[in-house]
Protein backbone atom coordinates (compact mmCIF):
# COMPACT_ATOMS: atom_id res chain seq x y z
CA MET A 1 46.86 11.61 62.82
CA HIS A 2 44.50 9.60 65.00
CA VAL A 3 40.85 10.29 64.26
CA LYS A 4 37.92 9.21 66.39
CA ILE A 5 34.60 9.07 64.58
CA ASN A 6 31.35 8.68 66.46
CA PHE A 7 29.08 7.15 63.83
CA LYS A 8 25.48 6.35 64.70
CA SER A 9 24.76 3.64 62.15
CA TYR A 10 21.26 3.11 63.53
CA ILE A 11 20.14 6.51 62.19
CA CYS A 12 22.12 6.50 58.92
CA VAL A 13 19.85 6.23 55.88
CA GLY A 14 22.63 5.47 53.36
CA CYS A 15 22.04 8.62 51.33
CA ASP A 16 25.79 8.89 50.41
CA SER A 17 26.03 12.65 51.04
CA CYS A 18 29.05 12.08 53.26
CA VAL A 19 30.73 9.93 50.62
CA LEU A 20 30.31 12.61 47.97
CA MET A 21 31.61 15.40 50.25
CA CYS A 22 34.75 13.68 51.53
CA PRO A 23 37.74 15.31 49.78
CA VAL A 24 40.09 12.40 50.57
CA ASN A 25 37.76 9.46 49.82
CA ALA A 26 37.87 8.23 53.40
CA ILE A 27 34.23 7.13 53.31
CA THR A 28 32.65 4.39 51.23
CA LEU A 29 29.09 3.18 50.94
CA ILE A 30 28.46 -0.52 50.37
CA ASN A 31 24.90 -1.87 50.38
CA PHE A 32 23.67 1.31 52.08
CA LYS A 33 26.24 0.90 54.88
CA VAL A 34 28.91 3.53 55.52
CA PHE A 35 32.53 2.58 56.13
CA PHE A 36 35.26 4.96 57.30
CA ASP A 37 38.99 4.71 56.61
CA CYS A 38 40.27 6.69 59.59
CA SER A 39 43.82 6.62 58.23
CA LYS A 40 42.71 8.86 55.34
CA CYS A 41 40.54 11.25 57.36
CA ILE A 42 41.84 14.84 57.64
CA LYS A 43 39.17 16.01 60.14
CA CYS A 44 37.62 18.51 57.73
CA LYS A 45 34.19 17.60 59.15
CA PHE A 46 32.47 18.02 55.77
CA CYS A 47 30.77 14.66 56.32
CA GLU A 48 29.51 15.76 59.71
CA PHE A 49 28.06 19.02 58.36
CA VAL A 50 26.40 17.45 55.31
CA CYS A 51 24.77 14.45 57.03
CA PRO A 52 21.01 15.12 57.06
CA MET A 53 20.49 12.71 59.95
CA GLY A 54 23.30 13.91 62.21
CA ALA A 55 24.80 10.42 62.25
CA ILE A 56 28.46 11.50 62.09
CA GLU A 57 30.56 13.24 64.71
CA ILE A 58 34.28 13.78 64.20
CA GLN A 59 35.84 14.17 67.63
CA ASP A 60 38.73 16.55 68.26
């Protein structure tokens, strides 16, 4: 499954809410920077819904 993630890193505050919500561990946080493993993503959009800054958009 090909997943396109629109991530606005310039507004991300590194809170790790998205990391904690991801059921497949497709998101990691290193030095307050978010990294996505698109090969693991199942498009549940939990990360998108939980991000307090609106920095994540999973595109259909």
